[in-house]
Every structure is written in structure tokens, then in C-alpha cells.
Amino acid sequence: MVLTGTIDFTSYAATLPNLVTSNGSYLFKYLPNVTGIILDGCNITNTANNIQGDDKRQFLFDNMVNLRTLSIQNCTGLTGDVDLTMCTEIT
């Protein structure tokens, strides 16, 4: 299946446990054609199941070369930089 367009996780912000897939990889690895990700208000904390400040393996956008929009407003607990160098279409 090929997903395109924008994926909005806002409705699941308080309950989204993590972005890890069942095989231990990360979700964004499998979304190369998605053009937008909205994670506004996601409860990102320092636990083994969530996106950690120093462990951003869940927050890699290397395969998302078509990404144009990323919204991470009010994502508590997310610290440091997010690498978007591979997202040449981002605005």
C-alpha cells in the first residue's frame, strides 16, 4: 500500500504510545510518499516506549524525501534537533 498526502496524529496525541513498528523499525521509514506529518500535542516523554530526547530513531525522516510539512507544536519532551536534511521539499 502506498500512502500519500498528510497524516494527522493530533487526535491520538495523548494516547499515541510510540512510532515503532512491530518489527522494531520506525513508522516513518515506510511512508516515503507522504507529504505531511502532523504530531501537534503528542505526549513525547522519556520512557522506553516513547520518543526520547537523545534517542530519535523513531523520529527519522531519511526515507521521506517528499515531506513538505512537519508540525510538532507543543510536543512535550522532544529535545534537541530533528534532522530534515533528506527532506529537500520541506517548506
C-alpha atoms as a PDB file:
ATOM      1  CA  MET A   1       0.000   0.000   0.000  1.00  0.00           C
ATOM      2  CA  VAL A   2       1.267   3.450  -0.859  1.00  0.00           C
ATOM      3  CA  LEU A   3       0.113   6.267   1.399  1.00  0.00           C
ATOM      4  CA  THR A   4       0.234   9.846   0.175  1.00  0.00           C
ATOM      5  CA  GLY A   5      -0.924  13.192   1.472  1.00  0.00           C
ATOM      6  CA  THR A   6      -0.852  14.316   5.103  1.00  0.00           C
ATOM      7  CA  ILE A   7      -1.185  12.086   8.145  1.00  0.00           C
ATOM      8  CA  ASP A   8      -2.587  13.867  11.193  1.00  0.00           C
ATOM      9  CA  PHE A   9      -1.838  12.186  14.531  1.00  0.00           C
ATOM     10  CA  THR A  10      -3.403  15.026  16.558  1.00  0.00           C
ATOM     11  CA  SER A  11      -6.472  13.002  17.539  1.00  0.00           C
ATOM     12  CA  TYR A  12      -4.173  10.403  19.096  1.00  0.00           C
ATOM     13  CA  ALA A  13      -1.719  12.852  20.686  1.00  0.00           C
ATOM     14  CA  ALA A  14      -2.459  11.877  24.271  1.00  0.00           C
ATOM     15  CA  THR A  15      -2.575   8.127  23.642  1.00  0.00           C
ATOM     16  CA  LEU A  16      -0.015   7.532  20.893  1.00  0.00           C
ATOM     17  CA  PRO A  17       2.385   5.148  22.643  1.00  0.00           C
ATOM     18  CA  ASN A  18       5.241   5.345  20.137  1.00  0.00           C
ATOM     19  CA  LEU A  19       6.189   5.335  16.471  1.00  0.00           C
ATOM     20  CA  VAL A  20       7.915   1.954  16.478  1.00  0.00           C
ATOM     21  CA  THR A  21       6.601  -0.797  14.206  1.00  0.00           C
ATOM     22  CA  SER A  22       6.063  -4.405  15.252  1.00  0.00           C
ATOM     23  CA  ASN A  23       9.423  -5.413  13.751  1.00  0.00           C
ATOM     24  CA  GLY A  24      11.310  -2.832  15.823  1.00  0.00           C
ATOM     25  CA  SER A  25      11.775  -0.371  12.997  1.00  0.00           C
ATOM     26  CA  TYR A  26      10.226   3.091  12.868  1.00  0.00           C
ATOM     27  CA  LEU A  27       6.971   4.123  11.201  1.00  0.00           C
ATOM     28  CA  PHE A  28       8.307   6.939   9.033  1.00  0.00           C
ATOM     29  CA  LYS A  29      10.633   4.516   7.253  1.00  0.00           C
ATOM     30  CA  TYR A  30       7.595   3.077   5.483  1.00  0.00           C
ATOM     31  CA  LEU A  31       5.983   6.356   4.409  1.00  0.00           C
ATOM     32  CA  PRO A  32       8.201   7.664   1.583  1.00  0.00           C
ATOM     33  CA  ASN A  33       5.339   9.245  -0.374  1.00  0.00           C
ATOM     34  CA  VAL A  34       3.647  11.078   2.486  1.00  0.00           C
ATOM     35  CA  THR A  35       3.886  14.850   2.084  1.00  0.00           C
ATOM     36  CA  GLY A  36       2.794  15.947   5.561  1.00  0.00           C
ATOM     37  CA  ILE A  37       3.020  14.761   9.170  1.00  0.00           C
ATOM     38  CA  ILE A  38       1.141  16.482  12.000  1.00  0.00           C
ATOM     39  CA  LEU A  39       2.146  15.444  15.522  1.00  0.00           C
ATOM     40  CA  ASP A  40       0.902  18.544  17.359  1.00  0.00           C
ATOM     41  CA  GLY A  41       0.476  17.981  21.077  1.00  0.00           C
ATOM     42  CA  CYS A  42       1.922  14.481  21.140  1.00  0.00           C
ATOM     43  CA  ASN A  43       2.947  13.461  24.620  1.00  0.00           C
ATOM     44  CA  ILE A  44       6.588  12.679  23.999  1.00  0.00           C
ATOM     45  CA  THR A  45       8.210  11.580  27.234  1.00  0.00           C
ATOM     46  CA  ASN A  46      11.398   9.899  28.356  1.00  0.00           C
ATOM     47  CA  THR A  47      10.209   6.308  28.628  1.00  0.00           C
ATOM     48  CA  ALA A  48      11.312   3.201  26.794  1.00  0.00           C
ATOM     49  CA  ASN A  49       8.149   3.243  24.675  1.00  0.00           C
ATOM     50  CA  ASN A  50       8.159   6.865  23.540  1.00  0.00           C
ATOM     51  CA  ILE A  51      10.340   9.205  21.542  1.00  0.00           C
ATOM     52  CA  GLN A  52      13.264  10.055  23.759  1.00  0.00           C
ATOM     53  CA  GLY A  53      15.267  13.257  23.699  1.00  0.00           C
ATOM     54  CA  ASP A  54      18.546  11.535  22.875  1.00  0.00           C
ATOM     55  CA  ASP A  55      17.134   8.529  21.003  1.00  0.00           C
ATOM     56  CA  LYS A  56      15.382   9.813  17.919  1.00  0.00           C
ATOM     57  CA  ARG A  57      15.333   6.556  15.962  1.00  0.00           C
ATOM     58  CA  GLN A  58      11.534   6.919  15.918  1.00  0.00           C
ATOM     59  CA  PHE A  59      11.871  10.423  14.530  1.00  0.00           C
ATOM     60  CA  LEU A  60      13.973   9.733  11.424  1.00  0.00           C
ATOM     61  CA  PHE A  61      12.744  11.236   8.183  1.00  0.00           C
ATOM     62  CA  ASP A  62      15.522   9.889   5.916  1.00  0.00           C
ATOM     63  CA  ASN A  63      13.111   7.985   3.652  1.00  0.00           C
ATOM     64  CA  MET A  64      10.535  10.765   3.467  1.00  0.00           C
ATOM     65  CA  VAL A  65      12.027  12.701   0.575  1.00  0.00           C
ATOM     66  CA  ASN A  66       8.567  14.006  -0.429  1.00  0.00           C
ATOM     67  CA  LEU A  67       7.825  15.505   3.000  1.00  0.00           C
ATOM     68  CA  ARG A  68       6.745  19.129   2.659  1.00  0.00           C
ATOM     69  CA  THR A  69       5.098  19.798   6.018  1.00  0.00           C
ATOM     70  CA  LEU A  70       6.035  18.718   9.525  1.00  0.00           C
ATOM     71  CA  SER A  71       4.199  20.097  12.519  1.00  0.00           C
ATOM     72  CA  ILE A  72       5.451  19.222  16.015  1.00  0.00           C
ATOM     73  CA  GLN A  73       3.974  22.089  18.016  1.00  0.00           C
ATOM     74  CA  ASN A  74       3.583  21.502  21.760  1.00  0.00           C
ATOM     75  CA  CYS A  75       5.330  18.117  21.661  1.00  0.00           C
ATOM     76  CA  THR A  76       6.430  17.979  25.261  1.00  0.00           C
ATOM     77  CA  GLY A  77       9.612  16.105  25.976  1.00  0.00           C
ATOM     78  CA  LEU A  78      11.094  16.354  22.494  1.00  0.00           C
ATOM     79  CA  THR A  79      14.510  17.931  22.863  1.00  0.00           C
ATOM     80  CA  GLY A  80      17.398  18.546  20.527  1.00  0.00           C
ATOM     81  CA  ASP A  81      17.313  18.788  16.766  1.00  0.00           C
ATOM     82  CA  VAL A  82      15.268  16.867  14.219  1.00  0.00           C
ATOM     83  CA  ASP A  83      17.276  16.069  11.080  1.00  0.00           C
ATOM     84  CA  LEU A  84      15.351  17.056   7.951  1.00  0.00           C
ATOM     85  CA  THR A  85      18.309  17.244   5.559  1.00  0.00           C
ATOM     86  CA  MET A  86      16.897  14.480   3.346  1.00  0.00           C
ATOM     87  CA  CYS A  87      13.556  16.317   3.062  1.00  0.00           C
ATOM     88  CA  THR A  88      14.511  18.695   0.262  1.00  0.00           C
ATOM     89  CA  GLU A  89      10.856  19.597  -0.455  1.00  0.00           C
ATOM     90  CA  ILE A  90      10.091  20.772   3.098  1.00  0.00           C
ATOM     91  CA  THR A  91       8.595  24.214   3.471  1.00  0.00           C
END
